[in-house]
């Protein structure tokens, strides 16, 4: 049973849509193979390391078991040079960032928020018609 969600993106702010979209498609296929489950998409806002401001990116919502978290995050770190993956425990809504070297940064609880509140932050997710943010 999947009781975690990994939210991650193959997009990079310094790449064009023509480069990012095939990366996204390849990542979605790879995650499906790793998790054997469907992989919905979300729109994320994230400030990459070294960027002056947050950028919008297509993200993947990966339902995983605890044992699959490392493999899914490693895919995004190794193949797509990501700075972090957001991991949410669906049992208690606790959210953290997992970093490439394995360290974690606790973010609080994953909560639905208003559009206004989400857009006042640099990092949020728009998924299934709702805005989400860890606080």
Foldseek 3Di string as FASTA:
>chain_A
DFQKKKKAALDDPVDDPVVRVVSRVVLQVVLCVLAVDHKDKWWKWDAAPPRPATDIGIIIIHRHHPVCPVVSFQCCCPVRVGQWIWMARNVFQWIWTAGPVGDIGTQAGKDWDDPVVQVVDRIWIQPPNTIIDHD
